[in-house]
Amino acid sequence: MNRLSPLTRAGLQFTAMVAAEAGRTVEKPHPRPVDVRAWECGECGSLHRWEDDAFECCAPAGVRGLGDKTPNEDAILCPVCADPCCDHRDAADCCLWHDLDAPTRWRIADSVEAGDATWAEAISKETTR
């Protein structure tokens, strides 16, 4: 993992921590309110945190980024930012492009897709050569 940037390493650690803590509830102090920006769907008026989500809210299936797929526990997630992706190669391309070339990213994705390794194991194997 020596070839990864500090931001990518931090993202990997965070997503691994979130995955390990899944199912556990942690008592957190009550956060202070903050000013936020929201995007309203032009069709139904529901508010969304991201502009793309508001655009896709009531859009026809052919216009949506993930088609008819909805994120669930079986969704393929980026190993760094945990955004849902269409396939393992897209997940590897999402954030790892900052640090790794395309063939390396795709070898990592193929290894994870085949079930040979987790994201962290596959990335570690490719970056410690």
C-alpha atoms as a PDB file:
ATOM      1  CA  MET A   1       0.000   0.000   0.000  1.00  0.00           C
ATOM      2  CA  ASN A   2       3.035   2.228  -0.219  1.00  0.00           C
ATOM      3  CA  ARG A   3       1.950   3.656  -3.579  1.00  0.00           C
ATOM      4  CA  LEU A   4      -1.405   4.925  -2.296  1.00  0.00           C
ATOM      5  CA  SER A   5      -1.938   8.558  -1.373  1.00  0.00           C
ATOM      6  CA  PRO A   6      -2.808   9.430   2.233  1.00  0.00           C
ATOM      7  CA  LEU A   7      -6.358  10.388   1.187  1.00  0.00           C
ATOM      8  CA  THR A   8      -6.919   7.017  -0.499  1.00  0.00           C
ATOM      9  CA  ARG A   9      -5.476   5.135   2.496  1.00  0.00           C
ATOM     10  CA  ALA A  10      -7.733   7.108   4.854  1.00  0.00           C
ATOM     11  CA  GLY A  11     -10.777   6.311   2.701  1.00  0.00           C
ATOM     12  CA  LEU A  12      -9.906   2.605   2.664  1.00  0.00           C
ATOM     13  CA  GLN A  13      -9.502   2.577   6.443  1.00  0.00           C
ATOM     14  CA  PHE A  14     -12.795   4.403   6.921  1.00  0.00           C
ATOM     15  CA  THR A  15     -14.810   2.069   4.669  1.00  0.00           C
ATOM     16  CA  ALA A  16     -13.204  -0.966   6.339  1.00  0.00           C
ATOM     17  CA  MET A  17     -14.078   0.446   9.755  1.00  0.00           C
ATOM     18  CA  VAL A  18     -17.682   1.113   8.705  1.00  0.00           C
ATOM     19  CA  ALA A  19     -17.975  -2.424   7.337  1.00  0.00           C
ATOM     20  CA  ALA A  20     -16.576  -3.861  10.585  1.00  0.00           C
ATOM     21  CA  GLU A  21     -18.954  -1.794  12.688  1.00  0.00           C
ATOM     22  CA  ALA A  22     -22.050  -2.718  10.620  1.00  0.00           C
ATOM     23  CA  GLY A  23     -24.811  -3.835  12.900  1.00  0.00           C
ATOM     24  CA  ARG A  24     -23.350  -2.198  15.999  1.00  0.00           C
ATOM     25  CA  THR A  25     -24.849   0.979  17.342  1.00  0.00           C
ATOM     26  CA  VAL A  26     -22.479   3.514  18.806  1.00  0.00           C
ATOM     27  CA  GLU A  27     -23.687   6.268  21.114  1.00  0.00           C
ATOM     28  CA  LYS A  28     -22.518   9.569  19.683  1.00  0.00           C
ATOM     29  CA  PRO A  29     -22.821  13.013  21.227  1.00  0.00           C
ATOM     30  CA  HIS A  30     -25.571  15.174  19.778  1.00  0.00           C
ATOM     31  CA  PRO A  31     -24.019  17.123  16.873  1.00  0.00           C
ATOM     32  CA  ARG A  32     -24.453  20.860  16.417  1.00  0.00           C
ATOM     33  CA  PRO A  33     -26.808  21.959  13.658  1.00  0.00           C
ATOM     34  CA  VAL A  34     -25.115  23.085  10.452  1.00  0.00           C
ATOM     35  CA  ASP A  35     -26.258  24.999   7.398  1.00  0.00           C
ATOM     36  CA  VAL A  36     -26.726  22.607   4.458  1.00  0.00           C
ATOM     37  CA  ARG A  37     -27.466  22.908   0.776  1.00  0.00           C
ATOM     38  CA  ALA A  38     -30.238  20.766  -0.679  1.00  0.00           C
ATOM     39  CA  TRP A  39     -31.454  20.076  -4.197  1.00  0.00           C
ATOM     40  CA  GLU A  40     -35.146  19.819  -4.964  1.00  0.00           C
ATOM     41  CA  CYS A  41     -36.511  17.328  -7.493  1.00  0.00           C
ATOM     42  CA  GLY A  42     -38.244  19.314 -10.238  1.00  0.00           C
ATOM     43  CA  GLU A  43     -40.974  16.668 -10.518  1.00  0.00           C
ATOM     44  CA  CYS A  44     -42.057  15.734  -6.988  1.00  0.00           C
ATOM     45  CA  GLY A  45     -40.383  18.427  -4.879  1.00  0.00           C
ATOM     46  CA  SER A  46     -38.476  16.057  -2.572  1.00  0.00           C
ATOM     47  CA  LEU A  47     -35.150  17.358  -1.247  1.00  0.00           C
ATOM     48  CA  HIS A  48     -31.828  15.653  -1.927  1.00  0.00           C
ATOM     49  CA  ARG A  49     -28.329  16.288  -0.643  1.00  0.00           C
ATOM     50  CA  TRP A  50     -26.711  15.845  -4.074  1.00  0.00           C
ATOM     51  CA  GLU A  51     -27.768  17.471  -7.342  1.00  0.00           C
ATOM     52  CA  ASP A  52     -27.422  14.177  -9.239  1.00  0.00           C
ATOM     53  CA  ASP A  53     -29.808  12.477  -6.798  1.00  0.00           C
ATOM     54  CA  ALA A  54     -32.405  15.203  -7.346  1.00  0.00           C
ATOM     55  CA  PHE A  55     -31.995  14.885 -11.110  1.00  0.00           C
ATOM     56  CA  GLU A  56     -32.414  11.086 -10.975  1.00  0.00           C
ATOM     57  CA  CYS A  57     -35.290  11.131  -8.449  1.00  0.00           C
ATOM     58  CA  CYS A  58     -38.209  11.011 -10.910  1.00  0.00           C
ATOM     59  CA  ALA A  59     -36.225  10.549 -14.122  1.00  0.00           C
ATOM     60  CA  PRO A  60     -37.150   7.663 -16.439  1.00  0.00           C
ATOM     61  CA  ALA A  61     -35.125   4.484 -15.894  1.00  0.00           C
ATOM     62  CA  GLY A  62     -33.038   5.065 -19.042  1.00  0.00           C
ATOM     63  CA  VAL A  63     -31.819   8.424 -17.706  1.00  0.00           C
ATOM     64  CA  ARG A  64     -30.742   7.223 -14.262  1.00  0.00           C
ATOM     65  CA  GLY A  65     -27.077   6.541 -13.598  1.00  0.00           C
ATOM     66  CA  LEU A  66     -27.559   3.020 -12.269  1.00  0.00           C
ATOM     67  CA  GLY A  67     -30.612   2.146 -14.377  1.00  0.00           C
ATOM     68  CA  ASP A  68     -33.092   0.172 -12.307  1.00  0.00           C
ATOM     69  CA  LYS A  69     -30.496  -0.872  -9.711  1.00  0.00           C
ATOM     70  CA  THR A  70     -30.956   0.503  -6.223  1.00  0.00           C
ATOM     71  CA  PRO A  71     -28.165   0.368  -3.629  1.00  0.00           C
ATOM     72  CA  ASN A  72     -28.595  -2.477  -1.157  1.00  0.00           C
ATOM     73  CA  GLU A  73     -26.426  -4.767   0.914  1.00  0.00           C
ATOM     74  CA  ASP A  74     -25.320  -6.620  -2.257  1.00  0.00           C
ATOM     75  CA  ALA A  75     -24.361  -3.406  -4.073  1.00  0.00           C
ATOM     76  CA  ILE A  76     -20.835  -3.074  -5.384  1.00  0.00           C
ATOM     77  CA  LEU A  77     -19.249  -0.159  -3.553  1.00  0.00           C
ATOM     78  CA  CYS A  78     -16.113   1.857  -4.203  1.00  0.00           C
ATOM     79  CA  PRO A  79     -13.480   0.675  -1.680  1.00  0.00           C
ATOM     80  CA  VAL A  80     -12.465   4.282  -0.917  1.00  0.00           C
ATOM     81  CA  CYS A  81     -15.635   6.421  -0.846  1.00  0.00           C
ATOM     82  CA  ALA A  82     -18.281   3.635  -0.673  1.00  0.00           C
ATOM     83  CA  ASP A  83     -20.345   5.058  -3.552  1.00  0.00           C
ATOM     84  CA  PRO A  84     -22.454   2.408  -5.343  1.00  0.00           C
ATOM     85  CA  CYS A  85     -21.058   1.331  -8.719  1.00  0.00           C
ATOM     86  CA  CYS A  86     -22.329  -0.749 -11.626  1.00  0.00           C
ATOM     87  CA  ASP A  87     -19.525  -3.322 -11.509  1.00  0.00           C
ATOM     88  CA  HIS A  88     -16.202  -4.051  -9.810  1.00  0.00           C
ATOM     89  CA  ARG A  89     -14.098  -2.310 -12.458  1.00  0.00           C
ATOM     90  CA  ASP A  90     -16.193   0.851 -12.136  1.00  0.00           C
ATOM     91  CA  ALA A  91     -15.736   0.628  -8.357  1.00  0.00           C
ATOM     92  CA  ALA A  92     -11.964   0.387  -8.774  1.00  0.00           C
ATOM     93  CA  ASP A  93     -11.962   3.297 -11.240  1.00  0.00           C
ATOM     94  CA  CYS A  94     -14.043   5.524  -8.929  1.00  0.00           C
ATOM     95  CA  CYS A  95     -11.252   6.696  -6.596  1.00  0.00           C
ATOM     96  CA  LEU A  96      -8.232   4.477  -7.167  1.00  0.00           C
ATOM     97  CA  TRP A  97      -7.434   6.228 -10.454  1.00  0.00           C
ATOM     98  CA  HIS A  98      -5.672   8.885  -8.377  1.00  0.00           C
ATOM     99  CA  ASP A  99      -2.958   6.419  -7.374  1.00  0.00           C
ATOM    100  CA  LEU A 100      -3.011   3.399  -9.684  1.00  0.00           C
ATOM    101  CA  ASP A 101      -2.887   2.854 -13.425  1.00  0.00           C
ATOM    102  CA  ALA A 102      -5.812   1.234 -15.242  1.00  0.00           C
ATOM    103  CA  PRO A 103      -4.381  -2.301 -15.654  1.00  0.00           C
ATOM    104  CA  THR A 104      -3.540  -2.433 -11.947  1.00  0.00           C
ATOM    105  CA  ARG A 105      -7.009  -1.215 -10.954  1.00  0.00           C
ATOM    106  CA  TRP A 106      -8.629  -3.784 -13.210  1.00  0.00           C
ATOM    107  CA  ARG A 107      -6.505  -6.647 -11.826  1.00  0.00           C
ATOM    108  CA  ILE A 108      -7.641  -5.605  -8.352  1.00  0.00           C
ATOM    109  CA  ALA A 109     -11.297  -5.467  -9.447  1.00  0.00           C
ATOM    110  CA  ASP A 110     -11.088  -8.846 -11.195  1.00  0.00           C
ATOM    111  CA  SER A 111      -9.566 -10.423  -8.082  1.00  0.00           C
ATOM    112  CA  VAL A 112     -12.348  -9.033  -5.863  1.00  0.00           C
ATOM    113  CA  GLU A 113     -15.060 -10.008  -8.350  1.00  0.00           C
ATOM    114  CA  ALA A 114     -13.717 -13.573  -8.519  1.00  0.00           C
ATOM    115  CA  GLY A 115     -13.862 -13.776  -4.715  1.00  0.00           C
ATOM    116  CA  ASP A 116     -10.119 -14.349  -4.398  1.00  0.00           C
ATOM    117  CA  ALA A 117      -9.604 -11.368  -2.068  1.00  0.00           C
ATOM    118  CA  THR A 118     -11.262  -8.445  -0.354  1.00  0.00           C
ATOM    119  CA  TRP A 119     -10.639  -4.936  -1.663  1.00  0.00           C
ATOM    120  CA  ALA A 120      -7.988  -4.297   0.979  1.00  0.00           C
ATOM    121  CA  GLU A 121      -6.206  -7.598   0.304  1.00  0.00           C
ATOM    122  CA  ALA A 122      -6.219  -7.123  -3.471  1.00  0.00           C
ATOM    123  CA  ILE A 123      -4.999  -3.524  -3.227  1.00  0.00           C
ATOM    124  CA  SER A 124      -2.276  -4.502  -0.781  1.00  0.00           C
ATOM    125  CA  LYS A 125      -1.107  -7.322  -3.040  1.00  0.00           C
ATOM    126  CA  GLU A 126      -0.887  -5.047  -6.090  1.00  0.00           C
ATOM    127  CA  THR A 127       0.764  -2.107  -4.329  1.00  0.00           C
ATOM    128  CA  THR A 128       3.482  -3.935  -2.395  1.00  0.00           C
ATOM    129  CA  ARG A 129       5.185  -5.366  -5.468  1.00  0.00           C
END
